[in-house]
């Protein structure tokens, strides 16, 4: 494997940052963050040991429900006026043909280590001749670890909003 250091940037027009959380303990509510940027510095062609930096605009949260989005942006959840950015810094490592992304996720100034399973989905040329690479990453976090502690119970004692958040990222990179 060649050791060629390369820089890639996330293409936000062909990438998605999605999350899901249980609602009423019976079904998932999905949402996305619409505004984000990031880069990848890779020492090798296969992205092993690549450094990942991602910045997400917390105010860009979108669950397709304006009132809920307003609540999520407010003080009880993301408090986007005080904490406008969510950040992640990590290292992508290849082990036995699989990729794992380990790093630190910061929400509301609470930083916790996380591990995401990653699939390298391919590399190819874009319409304008640029080189692109694709990745799909998934994992879980507990929202309470990040100060997202708002809670309310249903009449039957179930949490209205679950504590476990499922994360899913479809990321397309453009070689710089």
Foldseek 3Di string as FASTA:
>chain_A
DDFAKFKKKWDLVQKWKKKWWDALNPDIQMKTQNDKIWMWIARDPVRAFIKIKMKTQLLRIDRPDVVVSVVCCPPLHQVCVVWGIKIWIWTWHADPNWIKTWTWIAGPNQIDIDIKTKDWPAWDADPVRWIKTKMKIKDKDFRVSHVNPDWDADPVGHTRIHRIMIIIMITMITID
